């Protein structure tokens, strides 16, 4: 699996998508139950070292039907966070 990274206003955005239901006793996932999403937002220093990062859960009333929908929602939520459009959340400390 390749890692998806993009930048927005100087911060790195890592969409995090995972199955809504935890792994069953047999070790398999129920992908039909949908997906949840979060996003990791990072700042890199001048020498390309990670200086700070935080993970934010993407609020959604129900699981996303497809992983791609969850990934897109994660990226959109990150942009809104960075732009200061989400009440009660901030990335100013990064």
C-alpha atoms as a PDB file:
ATOM      1  CA  UNK A   1       0.000   0.000   0.000  1.00  0.00           C
ATOM      2  CA  UNK A   2       1.432   3.366  -0.974  1.00  0.00           C
ATOM      3  CA  UNK A   3       1.251   6.279   1.403  1.00  0.00           C
ATOM      4  CA  UNK A   4      -0.800   9.225   0.209  1.00  0.00           C
ATOM      5  CA  UNK A   5       0.626  12.622   1.203  1.00  0.00           C
ATOM      6  CA  UNK A   6      -0.328  16.070   0.077  1.00  0.00           C
ATOM      7  CA  UNK A   7       0.462  19.532   1.330  1.00  0.00           C
ATOM      8  CA  UNK A   8      -1.823  22.467   1.963  1.00  0.00           C
ATOM      9  CA  UNK A   9      -0.588  25.872   3.132  1.00  0.00           C
ATOM     10  CA  UNK A  10       2.747  24.388   4.163  1.00  0.00           C
ATOM     11  CA  UNK A  11       1.315  21.507   6.214  1.00  0.00           C
ATOM     12  CA  UNK A  12       1.303  17.840   5.278  1.00  0.00           C
ATOM     13  CA  UNK A  13      -2.050  16.059   5.172  1.00  0.00           C
ATOM     14  CA  UNK A  14      -2.315  12.292   5.683  1.00  0.00           C
ATOM     15  CA  UNK A  15      -5.855  10.901   5.257  1.00  0.00           C
ATOM     16  CA  UNK A  16      -6.515   7.970   7.603  1.00  0.00           C
ATOM     17  CA  UNK A  17      -9.289   5.591   6.560  1.00  0.00           C
ATOM     18  CA  UNK A  18     -10.276   2.486   8.507  1.00  0.00           C
ATOM     19  CA  UNK A  19     -13.182   0.011   8.657  1.00  0.00           C
ATOM     20  CA  UNK A  20     -16.092   1.127  10.841  1.00  0.00           C
ATOM     21  CA  UNK A  21     -16.340  -2.226  12.651  1.00  0.00           C
ATOM     22  CA  UNK A  22     -13.290  -3.712  14.368  1.00  0.00           C
ATOM     23  CA  UNK A  23     -11.737  -6.924  13.137  1.00  0.00           C
ATOM     24  CA  UNK A  24     -13.890  -9.984  13.840  1.00  0.00           C
ATOM     25  CA  UNK A  25     -12.809 -12.973  15.919  1.00  0.00           C
ATOM     26  CA  UNK A  26     -11.756 -14.708  12.683  1.00  0.00           C
ATOM     27  CA  UNK A  27      -9.453 -11.797  11.817  1.00  0.00           C
ATOM     28  CA  UNK A  28     -11.483 -10.422   8.930  1.00  0.00           C
ATOM     29  CA  UNK A  29     -13.079  -7.020   8.420  1.00  0.00           C
ATOM     30  CA  UNK A  30     -16.658  -6.271   7.408  1.00  0.00           C
ATOM     31  CA  UNK A  31     -16.035  -3.661   4.714  1.00  0.00           C
ATOM     32  CA  UNK A  32     -19.755  -3.594   3.898  1.00  0.00           C
ATOM     33  CA  UNK A  33     -20.312  -1.859   7.271  1.00  0.00           C
ATOM     34  CA  UNK A  34     -18.530   1.213   5.903  1.00  0.00           C
ATOM     35  CA  UNK A  35     -15.500   3.264   6.851  1.00  0.00           C
ATOM     36  CA  UNK A  36     -14.520   5.936   9.352  1.00  0.00           C
ATOM     37  CA  UNK A  37     -11.976   8.667   8.709  1.00  0.00           C
ATOM     38  CA  UNK A  38      -9.419  10.798  10.466  1.00  0.00           C
ATOM     39  CA  UNK A  39      -6.597  13.022   9.286  1.00  0.00           C
ATOM     40  CA  UNK A  40      -3.045  13.517  10.491  1.00  0.00           C
ATOM     41  CA  UNK A  41      -1.711  17.040   9.950  1.00  0.00           C
ATOM     42  CA  UNK A  42       2.054  17.563  10.230  1.00  0.00           C
ATOM     43  CA  UNK A  43       4.559  20.387  10.030  1.00  0.00           C
ATOM     44  CA  UNK A  44       8.103  19.786   8.834  1.00  0.00           C
ATOM     45  CA  UNK A  45      11.097  21.781  10.023  1.00  0.00           C
ATOM     46  CA  UNK A  46      13.757  23.449   7.895  1.00  0.00           C
ATOM     47  CA  UNK A  47      15.865  20.273   7.791  1.00  0.00           C
ATOM     48  CA  UNK A  48      12.816  18.159   6.765  1.00  0.00           C
ATOM     49  CA  UNK A  49      12.359  16.666  10.224  1.00  0.00           C
ATOM     50  CA  UNK A  50       8.887  16.294  11.672  1.00  0.00           C
ATOM     51  CA  UNK A  51       8.386  19.110  14.167  1.00  0.00           C
ATOM     52  CA  UNK A  52       4.742  18.557  15.153  1.00  0.00           C
ATOM     53  CA  UNK A  53       1.686  16.531  14.224  1.00  0.00           C
ATOM     54  CA  UNK A  54      -1.867  15.939  15.409  1.00  0.00           C
ATOM     55  CA  UNK A  55      -4.642  13.538  14.459  1.00  0.00           C
ATOM     56  CA  UNK A  56      -8.222  14.748  14.076  1.00  0.00           C
ATOM     57  CA  UNK A  57     -11.248  12.478  13.720  1.00  0.00           C
ATOM     58  CA  UNK A  58     -13.559  13.458  10.858  1.00  0.00           C
ATOM     59  CA  UNK A  59     -17.039  13.929  12.358  1.00  0.00           C
ATOM     60  CA  UNK A  60     -19.723  12.157  10.351  1.00  0.00           C
ATOM     61  CA  UNK A  61     -23.161  10.936  11.471  1.00  0.00           C
ATOM     62  CA  UNK A  62     -22.796   7.531   9.785  1.00  0.00           C
ATOM     63  CA  UNK A  63     -19.955   5.466   8.319  1.00  0.00           C
ATOM     64  CA  UNK A  64     -18.822   6.377   4.816  1.00  0.00           C
ATOM     65  CA  UNK A  65     -19.997   3.855   2.229  1.00  0.00           C
ATOM     66  CA  UNK A  66     -16.675   3.637   0.389  1.00  0.00           C
ATOM     67  CA  UNK A  67     -13.048   4.133   1.326  1.00  0.00           C
ATOM     68  CA  UNK A  68     -12.651   6.767  -1.392  1.00  0.00           C
ATOM     69  CA  UNK A  69     -15.471   8.844   0.079  1.00  0.00           C
ATOM     70  CA  UNK A  70     -13.817   8.687   3.494  1.00  0.00           C
ATOM     71  CA  UNK A  71     -10.427   9.685   2.025  1.00  0.00           C
ATOM     72  CA  UNK A  72     -11.936  12.683   0.227  1.00  0.00           C
ATOM     73  CA  UNK A  73     -13.816  13.777   3.371  1.00  0.00           C
ATOM     74  CA  UNK A  74     -10.572  13.500   5.330  1.00  0.00           C
ATOM     75  CA  UNK A  75      -8.716  15.797   2.929  1.00  0.00           C
ATOM     76  CA  UNK A  76     -11.573  18.305   2.839  1.00  0.00           C
ATOM     77  CA  UNK A  77     -11.790  18.330   6.644  1.00  0.00           C
ATOM     78  CA  UNK A  78      -8.039  18.953   6.883  1.00  0.00           C
ATOM     79  CA  UNK A  79      -8.307  21.978   4.610  1.00  0.00           C
ATOM     80  CA  UNK A  80     -11.185  23.374   6.690  1.00  0.00           C
ATOM     81  CA  UNK A  81      -9.153  22.834   9.886  1.00  0.00           C
ATOM     82  CA  UNK A  82      -6.102  24.567   8.441  1.00  0.00           C
ATOM     83  CA  UNK A  83      -8.257  27.474   7.237  1.00  0.00           C
ATOM     84  CA  UNK A  84      -9.738  27.858  10.754  1.00  0.00           C
ATOM     85  CA  UNK A  85     -13.281  26.969   9.690  1.00  0.00           C
ATOM     86  CA  UNK A  86     -13.934  24.241  12.308  1.00  0.00           C
ATOM     87  CA  UNK A  87     -15.262  25.480  15.647  1.00  0.00           C
ATOM     88  CA  UNK A  88     -13.328  24.201  18.637  1.00  0.00           C
ATOM     89  CA  UNK A  89     -10.413  22.811  16.603  1.00  0.00           C
ATOM     90  CA  UNK A  90      -7.164  24.475  15.631  1.00  0.00           C
ATOM     91  CA  UNK A  91      -3.804  23.665  14.083  1.00  0.00           C
ATOM     92  CA  UNK A  92      -2.133  26.860  15.333  1.00  0.00           C
ATOM     93  CA  UNK A  93       0.017  24.864  17.755  1.00  0.00           C
ATOM     94  CA  UNK A  94       1.680  22.910  14.926  1.00  0.00           C
END
